[in-house]
Protein backbone atom coordinates (compact mmCIF):
# COMPACT_ATOMS: atom_id res chain seq x y z
CA MET A 1 13.21 4.33 -0.08
CA ARG A 2 11.46 3.44 3.14
CA VAL A 3 7.73 3.35 3.96
CA ALA A 4 7.83 6.57 6.02
CA GLU A 5 9.46 8.50 3.17
CA LEU A 6 6.91 7.19 0.68
CA ALA A 7 4.09 8.19 3.03
CA GLN A 8 5.46 11.68 3.34
CA GLN A 9 6.03 12.17 -0.38
CA VAL A 10 2.60 10.85 -1.40
CA ASN A 11 0.80 12.33 1.66
CA LEU A 12 -0.55 9.04 3.02
CA ASP A 13 -2.11 8.73 6.47
CA PRO A 14 -1.26 5.59 8.48
CA LEU A 15 -4.28 3.87 10.05
CA ASN A 16 -2.15 1.72 12.33
CA THR A 17 1.46 1.73 13.51
CA LEU A 18 3.92 2.99 10.90
CA TYR A 19 6.47 0.24 10.32
CA ASP A 20 9.31 1.93 8.47
CA LYS A 21 10.31 -1.00 6.30
CA GLU A 22 12.50 -0.82 3.24
CA ILE A 23 10.49 -0.79 0.03
CA ALA A 24 11.51 -3.59 -2.30
CA VAL A 25 10.17 -4.99 -5.54
CA GLY A 26 6.55 -6.03 -5.11
CA ASN A 27 6.04 -5.17 -1.43
CA ILE A 28 3.60 -2.23 -1.56
CA LEU A 29 -0.05 -3.04 -2.28
CA VAL A 30 -2.42 -0.36 -3.66
CA SER A 31 -6.12 -1.20 -3.66
CA VAL A 32 -9.63 0.21 -3.38
CA GLU A 33 -10.65 -3.04 -1.66
CA ASN A 34 -10.18 -3.20 2.05
CA GLU A 35 -11.08 -6.40 3.88
CA GLN A 36 -10.35 -8.95 1.15
CA THR A 37 -7.12 -7.31 0.04
CA ILE A 38 -5.87 -6.66 3.55
CA ARG A 39 -6.48 -10.25 4.64
CA ALA A 40 -4.50 -11.44 1.61
CA GLY A 41 -1.79 -8.85 2.16
CA VAL A 42 -1.19 -9.58 5.84
CA GLY A 43 -0.69 -13.28 5.30
CA PRO A 44 2.78 -14.78 5.05
CA THR A 45 4.07 -12.23 2.56
CA ASP A 46 6.80 -9.65 2.25
CA ILE A 47 4.33 -6.74 2.02
CA ALA A 48 5.72 -3.57 3.63
CA ALA A 49 2.55 -1.48 3.36
CA ILE A 50 -0.98 -1.44 2.00
CA VAL A 51 -2.55 1.72 0.56
CA VAL A 52 -6.35 1.66 0.77
CA THR A 53 -7.73 4.17 -1.71
CA GLU A 54 -10.98 6.10 -2.05
CA GLY A 55 -11.14 6.66 1.71
CA LYS A 56 -12.48 3.17 2.34
CA ILE A 57 -13.00 2.20 5.99
CA VAL A 58 -10.71 -0.53 7.31
CA ALA A 59 -12.05 -2.86 9.98
CA THR A 60 -10.36 -2.89 13.39
CA ALA A 61 -9.68 -6.62 13.05
CA ALA A 62 -7.79 -5.98 9.80
CA LEU A 63 -5.73 -3.25 11.45
CA ARG A 64 -4.85 -5.59 14.32
CA ALA A 65 -3.85 -8.32 11.85
CA ALA A 66 -1.66 -5.82 10.01
CA ASP A 67 -0.01 -4.80 13.29
CA ARG A 68 0.71 -8.44 14.12
CA ALA A 69 2.35 -8.78 10.70
CA GLU A 70 4.09 -5.37 11.07
CA ILE A 71 2.47 -4.01 7.93
CA THR A 72 1.45 -0.36 7.76
CA ILE A 73 -1.98 0.35 6.32
CA PHE A 74 -2.46 3.78 4.79
CA SER A 75 -5.65 5.53 3.78
CA THR A 76 -6.05 8.11 1.07
CA PRO A 77 -9.09 9.78 -0.50
CA LEU A 78 -7.42 9.38 -3.90
CA ASP A 79 -8.48 6.58 -6.21
CA SER A 80 -6.00 3.87 -7.20
CA PRO A 81 -5.06 5.45 -10.57
CA ASP A 82 -4.33 8.77 -8.83
CA VAL A 83 -2.10 7.03 -6.27
CA VAL A 84 -0.31 5.29 -9.11
CA GLY A 85 0.07 8.70 -10.78
CA GLU A 86 1.65 10.09 -7.61
CA LEU A 87 4.03 7.15 -7.57
CA ASP A 88 4.77 7.68 -11.25
CA ALA A 89 5.64 11.31 -10.49
CA LEU A 90 8.29 9.96 -8.12
CA GLY A 91 9.80 8.06 -11.04
CA ILE A 92 8.12 4.76 -10.28
CA ARG A 93 7.03 3.13 -13.55
CA ILE A 94 4.21 0.63 -14.00
CA THR A 95 4.88 -2.60 -15.83
CA PRO A 96 2.25 -3.98 -18.23
CA TYR A 97 1.18 -6.50 -15.59
CA GLY A 98 0.08 -3.93 -13.02
CA GLN A 99 3.31 -3.81 -11.05
CA ILE A 100 5.50 -0.79 -10.60
CA ASP A 101 9.04 -1.89 -11.21
CA ALA A 102 11.25 0.78 -9.56
CA LEU A 103 9.94 0.41 -6.02
CA GLY A 104 7.81 -2.64 -6.68
CA ILE A 105 4.38 -1.24 -5.98
CA ARG A 106 1.82 -3.98 -6.54
CA ILE A 107 -1.62 -3.06 -7.84
CA SER A 108 -4.38 -5.29 -6.56
CA PRO A 109 -6.41 -7.12 -9.21
CA TYR A 110 -9.47 -6.04 -7.21
CA GLY A 111 -9.08 -2.34 -7.98
């Protein structure tokens, strides 16, 4: 699955450029946090996309950093458990350590 397909199936709105990367184990981050999580996610990582939940506002500087790293940031009014539920409905299962093993969706320890 690719980022654009995931966005369409879960009804996620991109806040910056949509980079249609392949989803691999551990490269989607779901979090209610915005600034702290995004700064960590756009570092030297293999993150394909970040899903900011609960409609949180994302700073312009964070969006620019994500664009430089070619990471799509999505916003959704859903909370993190609801997003995880949507992913689960797609057949993506959560491991006991907060990771979803089929597509590798990472759940932030911050929420």
